[in-house]
Amino acid sequence: MCAKLQKYWKSLDRNLIVNQRELLLGLTVCALAGVLTGILVSPRKHMTIGSYNGNGTFLPMEEEPEDAAEAEGE
């Protein structure tokens, strides 16, 4: 098995011409695959985007203020 791998590794030394478009596409695919792998493998699965700085949103644990609840009912 190791001899087959070494033979294959040595066969990769030949010169090969690659178009710039193909090179860019290959690099882009590898970068996106790395990002996707990082997202799937990461220990943090629940992402929250936002700062909850009071611009119309409430924290899930907080209740809506009474004034706002009364205003909606009217």
PDB file of N, CA and C in Angstrom:
ATOM      1  N   MET A   1       0.825  -1.187   0.000  1.00  0.00           N
ATOM      2  CA  MET A   1       0.000   0.000   0.000  1.00  0.00           C
ATOM      3  C   MET A   1       0.865   1.246   0.000  1.00  0.00           C
ATOM      4  N   CYS A   2       1.870   1.269   0.825  1.00  0.00           N
ATOM      5  CA  CYS A   2       2.753   2.429   0.915  1.00  0.00           C
ATOM      6  C   CYS A   2       3.530   2.624  -0.395  1.00  0.00           C
ATOM      7  N   ALA A   3       3.923   1.536  -1.033  1.00  0.00           N
ATOM      8  CA  ALA A   3       4.650   1.630  -2.300  1.00  0.00           C
ATOM      9  C   ALA A   3       3.764   2.226  -3.398  1.00  0.00           C
ATOM     10  N   LYS A   4       2.472   1.867  -3.393  1.00  0.00           N
ATOM     11  CA  LYS A   4       1.544   2.428  -4.373  1.00  0.00           C
ATOM     12  C   LYS A   4       1.381   3.929  -4.165  1.00  0.00           C
ATOM     13  N   LEU A   5       1.300   4.337  -2.915  1.00  0.00           N
ATOM     14  CA  LEU A   5       1.175   5.765  -2.620  1.00  0.00           C
ATOM     15  C   LEU A   5       2.426   6.536  -3.045  1.00  0.00           C
ATOM     16  N   GLN A   6       3.595   5.968  -2.794  1.00  0.00           N
ATOM     17  CA  GLN A   6       4.833   6.633  -3.198  1.00  0.00           C
ATOM     18  C   GLN A   6       4.918   6.726  -4.718  1.00  0.00           C
ATOM     19  N   LYS A   7       4.526   5.678  -5.432  1.00  0.00           N
ATOM     20  CA  LYS A   7       4.548   5.706  -6.887  1.00  0.00           C
ATOM     21  C   LYS A   7       3.584   6.767  -7.420  1.00  0.00           C
ATOM     22  N   TYR A   8       2.405   6.853  -6.833  1.00  0.00           N
ATOM     23  CA  TYR A   8       1.427   7.867  -7.241  1.00  0.00           C
ATOM     24  C   TYR A   8       1.946   9.269  -6.938  1.00  0.00           C
ATOM     25  N   TRP A   9       2.558   9.445  -5.783  1.00  0.00           N
ATOM     26  CA  TRP A   9       3.090  10.755  -5.385  1.00  0.00           C
ATOM     27  C   TRP A   9       4.172  11.218  -6.365  1.00  0.00           C
ATOM     28  N   LYS A  10       5.027  10.304  -6.779  1.00  0.00           N
ATOM     29  CA  LYS A  10       6.094  10.654  -7.726  1.00  0.00           C
ATOM     30  C   LYS A  10       5.538  10.954  -9.114  1.00  0.00           C
ATOM     31  N   SER A  11       4.400  10.373  -9.457  1.00  0.00           N
ATOM     32  CA  SER A  11       3.810  10.634 -10.771  1.00  0.00           C
ATOM     33  C   SER A  11       3.198  12.033 -10.853  1.00  0.00           C
ATOM     34  N   LEU A  12       3.054  12.701  -9.743  1.00  0.00           N
ATOM     35  CA  LEU A  12       2.468  14.041  -9.730  1.00  0.00           C
ATOM     36  C   LEU A  12       3.485  15.130 -10.051  1.00  0.00           C
ATOM     37  N   ASP A  13       4.736  14.790 -10.310  1.00  0.00           N
ATOM     38  CA  ASP A  13       5.777  15.780 -10.567  1.00  0.00           C
ATOM     39  C   ASP A  13       5.770  16.332 -11.990  1.00  0.00           C
ATOM     40  N   ARG A  14       4.983  15.781 -12.874  1.00  0.00           N
ATOM     41  CA  ARG A  14       5.003  16.241 -14.259  1.00  0.00           C
ATOM     42  C   ARG A  14       4.425  17.655 -14.360  1.00  0.00           C
ATOM     43  N   ASN A  15       4.855  18.390 -15.381  1.00  0.00           N
ATOM     44  CA  ASN A  15       4.383  19.748 -15.609  1.00  0.00           C
ATOM     45  C   ASN A  15       2.995  19.713 -16.225  1.00  0.00           C
ATOM     46  N   LEU A  16       2.153  20.632 -15.807  1.00  0.00           N
ATOM     47  CA  LEU A  16       0.790  20.694 -16.296  1.00  0.00           C
ATOM     48  C   LEU A  16       0.394  22.154 -16.415  1.00  0.00           C
ATOM     49  N   ILE A  17      -0.219  22.521 -17.518  1.00  0.00           N
ATOM     50  CA  ILE A  17      -0.633  23.904 -17.730  1.00  0.00           C
ATOM     51  C   ILE A  17      -2.095  24.027 -17.329  1.00  0.00           C
ATOM     52  N   VAL A  18      -2.371  25.030 -16.506  1.00  0.00           N
ATOM     53  CA  VAL A  18      -3.730  25.263 -16.018  1.00  0.00           C
ATOM     54  C   VAL A  18      -4.126  26.682 -16.387  1.00  0.00           C
ATOM     55  N   ASN A  19      -5.310  26.851 -16.925  1.00  0.00           N
ATOM     56  CA  ASN A  19      -5.813  28.182 -17.221  1.00  0.00           C
ATOM     57  C   ASN A  19      -6.046  28.954 -15.925  1.00  0.00           C
ATOM     58  N   GLN A  20      -5.948  30.269 -16.004  1.00  0.00           N
ATOM     59  CA  GLN A  20      -6.178  31.078 -14.815  1.00  0.00           C
ATOM     60  C   GLN A  20      -7.619  30.934 -14.332  1.00  0.00           C
ATOM     61  N   ARG A  21      -8.546  30.795 -15.267  1.00  0.00           N
ATOM     62  CA  ARG A  21      -9.952  30.635 -14.901  1.00  0.00           C
ATOM     63  C   ARG A  21     -10.145  29.341 -14.111  1.00  0.00           C
ATOM     64  N   GLU A  22      -9.522  28.254 -14.562  1.00  0.00           N
ATOM     65  CA  GLU A  22      -9.639  26.977 -13.853  1.00  0.00           C
ATOM     66  C   GLU A  22      -8.981  27.038 -12.484  1.00  0.00           C
ATOM     67  N   LEU A  23      -7.854  27.729 -12.409  1.00  0.00           N
ATOM     68  CA  LEU A  23      -7.167  27.881 -11.123  1.00  0.00           C
ATOM     69  C   LEU A  23      -8.027  28.669 -10.143  1.00  0.00           C
ATOM     70  N   LEU A  24      -8.613  29.762 -10.604  1.00  0.00           N
ATOM     71  CA  LEU A  24      -9.470  30.577  -9.746  1.00  0.00           C
ATOM     72  C   LEU A  24     -10.699  29.788  -9.303  1.00  0.00           C
ATOM     73  N   LEU A  25     -11.287  29.034 -10.223  1.00  0.00           N
ATOM     74  CA  LEU A  25     -12.447  28.220  -9.876  1.00  0.00           C
ATOM     75  C   LEU A  25     -12.085  27.155  -8.841  1.00  0.00           C
ATOM     76  N   GLY A  26     -10.947  26.521  -9.015  1.00  0.00           N
ATOM     77  CA  GLY A  26     -10.507  25.505  -8.052  1.00  0.00           C
ATOM     78  C   GLY A  26     -10.249  26.088  -6.677  1.00  0.00           C
ATOM     79  N   LEU A  27      -9.605  27.247  -6.629  1.00  0.00           N
ATOM     80  CA  LEU A  27      -9.358  27.903  -5.337  1.00  0.00           C
ATOM     81  C   LEU A  27     -10.660  28.332  -4.673  1.00  0.00           C
ATOM     82  N   THR A  28     -11.603  28.820  -5.469  1.00  0.00           N
ATOM     83  CA  THR A  28     -12.894  29.239  -4.922  1.00  0.00           C
ATOM     84  C   THR A  28     -13.660  28.052  -4.353  1.00  0.00           C
ATOM     85  N   VAL A  29     -13.654  26.952  -5.072  1.00  0.00           N
ATOM     86  CA  VAL A  29     -14.346  25.753  -4.591  1.00  0.00           C
ATOM     87  C   VAL A  29     -13.718  25.254  -3.291  1.00  0.00           C
ATOM     88  N   CYS A  30     -12.395  25.255  -3.237  1.00  0.00           N
ATOM     89  CA  CYS A  30     -11.715  24.810  -2.013  1.00  0.00           C
ATOM     90  C   CYS A  30     -12.019  25.741  -0.839  1.00  0.00           C
ATOM     91  N   ALA A  31     -12.047  27.039  -1.083  1.00  0.00           N
ATOM     92  CA  ALA A  31     -12.341  27.994  -0.004  1.00  0.00           C
ATOM     93  C   ALA A  31     -13.773  27.814   0.503  1.00  0.00           C
ATOM     94  N   LEU A  32     -14.717  27.683  -0.400  1.00  0.00           N
ATOM     95  CA  LEU A  32     -16.113  27.501   0.017  1.00  0.00           C
ATOM     96  C   LEU A  32     -16.314  26.158   0.718  1.00  0.00           C
ATOM     97  N   ALA A  33     -15.630  25.127   0.266  1.00  0.00           N
ATOM     98  CA  ALA A  33     -15.723  23.828   0.940  1.00  0.00           C
ATOM     99  C   ALA A  33     -15.139  23.922   2.351  1.00  0.00           C
ATOM    100  N   GLY A  34     -14.071  24.698   2.508  1.00  0.00           N
ATOM    101  CA  GLY A  34     -13.494  24.883   3.835  1.00  0.00           C
ATOM    102  C   GLY A  34     -14.427  25.629   4.768  1.00  0.00           C
ATOM    103  N   VAL A  35     -15.093  26.649   4.256  1.00  0.00           N
ATOM    104  CA  VAL A  35     -16.053  27.396   5.080  1.00  0.00           C
ATOM    105  C   VAL A  35     -17.215  26.503   5.477  1.00  0.00           C
ATOM    106  N   LEU A  36     -17.746  25.752   4.532  1.00  0.00           N
ATOM    107  CA  LEU A  36     -18.857  24.849   4.825  1.00  0.00           C
ATOM    108  C   LEU A  36     -18.454  23.777   5.836  1.00  0.00           C
ATOM    109  N   THR A  37     -17.284  23.217   5.673  1.00  0.00           N
ATOM    110  CA  THR A  37     -16.796  22.215   6.634  1.00  0.00           C
ATOM    111  C   THR A  37     -16.643  22.830   8.019  1.00  0.00           C
ATOM    112  N   GLY A  38     -16.118  24.049   8.073  1.00  0.00           N
ATOM    113  CA  GLY A  38     -15.973  24.726   9.363  1.00  0.00           C
ATOM    114  C   GLY A  38     -17.295  24.985  10.044  1.00  0.00           C
ATOM    115  N   ILE A  39     -18.310  25.338   9.274  1.00  0.00           N
ATOM    116  CA  ILE A  39     -19.631  25.570   9.852  1.00  0.00           C
ATOM    117  C   ILE A  39     -20.223  24.273  10.380  1.00  0.00           C
ATOM    118  N   LEU A  40     -20.086  23.203   9.609  1.00  0.00           N
ATOM    119  CA  LEU A  40     -20.684  21.929  10.010  1.00  0.00           C
ATOM    120  C   LEU A  40     -19.951  21.273  11.176  1.00  0.00           C
ATOM    121  N   VAL A  41     -18.657  21.492  11.297  1.00  0.00           N
ATOM    122  CA  VAL A  41     -17.854  20.817  12.312  1.00  0.00           C
ATOM    123  C   VAL A  41     -17.762  21.642  13.600  1.00  0.00           C
ATOM    124  N   SER A  42     -18.099  22.914  13.532  1.00  0.00           N
ATOM    125  CA  SER A  42     -17.932  23.787  14.688  1.00  0.00           C
ATOM    126  C   SER A  42     -18.821  23.345  15.850  1.00  0.00           C
ATOM    127  N   PRO A  43     -18.348  23.539  17.067  1.00  0.00           N
ATOM    128  CA  PRO A  43     -19.146  23.138  18.221  1.00  0.00           C
ATOM    129  C   PRO A  43     -20.321  24.081  18.478  1.00  0.00           C
ATOM    130  N   ARG A  44     -20.249  25.292  17.985  1.00  0.00           N
ATOM    131  CA  ARG A  44     -21.316  26.265  18.208  1.00  0.00           C
ATOM    132  C   ARG A  44     -22.326  26.156  17.069  1.00  0.00           C
ATOM    133  N   LYS A  45     -23.508  25.675  17.354  1.00  0.00           N
ATOM    134  CA  LYS A  45     -24.509  25.448  16.317  1.00  0.00           C
ATOM    135  C   LYS A  45     -25.573  26.538  16.273  1.00  0.00           C
ATOM    136  N   HIS A  46     -25.784  27.276  17.336  1.00  0.00           N
ATOM    137  CA  HIS A  46     -26.832  28.288  17.364  1.00  0.00           C
ATOM    138  C   HIS A  46     -26.183  29.665  17.257  1.00  0.00           C
ATOM    139  N   MET A  47     -26.355  30.292  16.119  1.00  0.00           N
ATOM    140  CA  MET A  47     -25.740  31.584  15.889  1.00  0.00           C
ATOM    141  C   MET A  47     -26.816  32.658  15.962  1.00  0.00           C
ATOM    142  N   THR A  48     -26.510  33.736  16.663  1.00  0.00           N
ATOM    143  CA  THR A  48     -27.410  34.862  16.745  1.00  0.00           C
ATOM    144  C   THR A  48     -26.717  36.057  16.129  1.00  0.00           C
ATOM    145  N   ILE A  49     -27.348  36.626  15.130  1.00  0.00           N
ATOM    146  CA  ILE A  49     -26.786  37.806  14.504  1.00  0.00           C
ATOM    147  C   ILE A  49     -27.629  38.984  14.961  1.00  0.00           C
ATOM    148  N   GLY A  50     -27.015  39.898  15.669  1.00  0.00           N
ATOM    149  CA  GLY A  50     -27.718  41.057  16.201  1.00  0.00           C
ATOM    150  C   GLY A  50     -27.166  41.387  17.566  1.00  0.00           C
ATOM    151  N   SER A  51     -27.457  42.571  18.036  1.00  0.00           N
ATOM    152  CA  SER A  51     -26.902  42.979  19.316  1.00  0.00           C
ATOM    153  C   SER A  51     -27.964  43.158  20.392  1.00  0.00           C
ATOM    154  N   TYR A  52     -29.228  43.035  20.024  1.00  0.00           N
ATOM    155  CA  TYR A  52     -30.313  43.252  20.970  1.00  0.00           C
ATOM    156  C   TYR A  52     -30.134  44.587  21.680  1.00  0.00           C
ATOM    157  N   ASN A  53     -29.924  45.636  20.914  1.00  0.00           N
ATOM    158  CA  ASN A  53     -29.668  46.936  21.511  1.00  0.00           C
ATOM    159  C   ASN A  53     -30.935  47.766  21.684  1.00  0.00           C
ATOM    160  N   GLY A  54     -32.095  47.166  21.581  1.00  0.00           N
ATOM    161  CA  GLY A  54     -33.327  47.851  21.896  1.00  0.00           C
ATOM    162  C   GLY A  54     -33.985  48.549  20.727  1.00  0.00           C
ATOM    163  N   ASN A  55     -33.634  48.220  19.523  1.00  0.00           N
ATOM    164  CA  ASN A  55     -34.261  48.886  18.392  1.00  0.00           C
ATOM    165  C   ASN A  55     -35.435  48.067  17.857  1.00  0.00           C
ATOM    166  N   GLY A  56     -36.401  47.807  18.733  1.00  0.00           N
ATOM    167  CA  GLY A  56     -37.619  47.143  18.291  1.00  0.00           C
ATOM    168  C   GLY A  56     -37.656  45.654  18.563  1.00  0.00           C
ATOM    169  N   THR A  57     -36.605  45.077  19.041  1.00  0.00           N
ATOM    170  CA  THR A  57     -36.625  43.643  19.329  1.00  0.00           C
ATOM    171  C   THR A  57     -36.457  43.432  20.820  1.00  0.00           C
ATOM    172  N   PHE A  58     -36.996  42.349  21.302  1.00  0.00           N
ATOM    173  CA  PHE A  58     -36.902  42.028  22.718  1.00  0.00           C
ATOM    174  C   PHE A  58     -36.160  40.712  22.862  1.00  0.00           C
ATOM    175  N   LEU A  59     -35.463  40.576  23.957  1.00  0.00           N
ATOM    176  CA  LEU A  59     -34.783  39.325  24.242  1.00  0.00           C
ATOM    177  C   LEU A  59     -35.819  38.224  24.425  1.00  0.00           C
ATOM    178  N   PRO A  60     -35.502  37.015  24.078  1.00  0.00           N
ATOM    179  CA  PRO A  60     -36.473  35.926  24.222  1.00  0.00           C
ATOM    180  C   PRO A  60     -36.920  35.712  25.660  1.00  0.00           C
ATOM    181  N   MET A  61     -36.080  36.040  26.633  1.00  0.00           N
ATOM    182  CA  MET A  61     -36.398  35.808  28.033  1.00  0.00           C
ATOM    183  C   MET A  61     -37.247  36.946  28.605  1.00  0.00           C
ATOM    184  N   GLU A  62     -37.196  38.104  27.981  1.00  0.00           N
ATOM    185  CA  GLU A  62     -37.932  39.251  28.494  1.00  0.00           C
ATOM    186  C   GLU A  62     -39.357  39.242  27.977  1.00  0.00           C
ATOM    187  N   GLU A  63     -40.233  39.820  28.777  1.00  0.00           N
ATOM    188  CA  GLU A  63     -41.604  39.980  28.322  1.00  0.00           C
ATOM    189  C   GLU A  63     -41.753  41.355  27.703  1.00  0.00           C
ATOM    190  N   GLU A  64     -42.746  41.497  26.898  1.00  0.00           N
ATOM    191  CA  GLU A  64     -43.007  42.761  26.251  1.00  0.00           C
ATOM    192  C   GLU A  64     -43.509  43.750  27.310  1.00  0.00           C
ATOM    193  N   PRO A  65     -43.103  45.011  27.246  1.00  0.00           N
ATOM    194  CA  PRO A  65     -43.581  45.993  28.233  1.00  0.00           C
ATOM    195  C   PRO A  65     -45.104  46.122  28.167  1.00  0.00           C
ATOM    196  N   GLU A  66     -45.717  46.445  29.314  1.00  0.00           N
ATOM    197  CA  GLU A  66     -47.171  46.506  29.403  1.00  0.00           C
ATOM    198  C   GLU A  66     -47.750  47.582  28.488  1.00  0.00           C
ATOM    199  N   ASP A  67     -47.053  48.721  28.358  1.00  0.00           N
ATOM    200  CA  ASP A  67     -47.564  49.797  27.521  1.00  0.00           C
ATOM    201  C   ASP A  67     -47.689  49.344  26.066  1.00  0.00           C
ATOM    202  N   ALA A  68     -46.706  48.625  25.594  1.00  0.00           N
ATOM    203  CA  ALA A  68     -46.734  48.151  24.206  1.00  0.00           C
ATOM    204  C   ALA A  68     -47.823  47.119  24.007  1.00  0.00           C
ATOM    205  N   ALA A  69     -48.070  46.270  25.018  1.00  0.00           N
ATOM    206  CA  ALA A  69     -49.104  45.251  24.914  1.00  0.00           C
ATOM    207  C   ALA A  69     -50.476  45.902  24.897  1.00  0.00           C
ATOM    208  N   GLU A  70     -50.666  46.940  25.683  1.00  0.00           N
ATOM    209  CA  GLU A  70     -51.950  47.643  25.722  1.00  0.00           C
ATOM    210  C   GLU A  70     -52.184  48.394  24.410  1.00  0.00           C
ATOM    211  N   ALA A  71     -51.113  48.965  23.840  1.00  0.00           N
ATOM    212  CA  ALA A  71     -51.258  49.718  22.604  1.00  0.00           C
ATOM    213  C   ALA A  71     -51.643  48.809  21.443  1.00  0.00           C
ATOM    214  N   GLU A  72     -51.169  47.596  21.448  1.00  0.00           N
ATOM    215  CA  GLU A  72     -51.508  46.660  20.393  1.00  0.00           C
ATOM    216  C   GLU A  72     -52.963  46.211  20.490  1.00  0.00           C
ATOM    217  N   GLY A  73     -53.483  46.117  21.716  1.00  0.00           N
ATOM    218  CA  GLY A  73     -54.845  45.662  21.922  1.00  0.00           C
ATOM    219  C   GLY A  73     -55.885  46.697  21.533  1.00  0.00           C
ATOM    220  N   GLU A  74     -55.511  47.944  21.484  1.00  0.00           N
ATOM    221  CA  GLU A  74     -56.475  49.007  21.179  1.00  0.00           C
ATOM    222  C   GLU A  74     -56.754  49.137  19.737  1.00  0.00           C
TER     223      GLU A  74
END
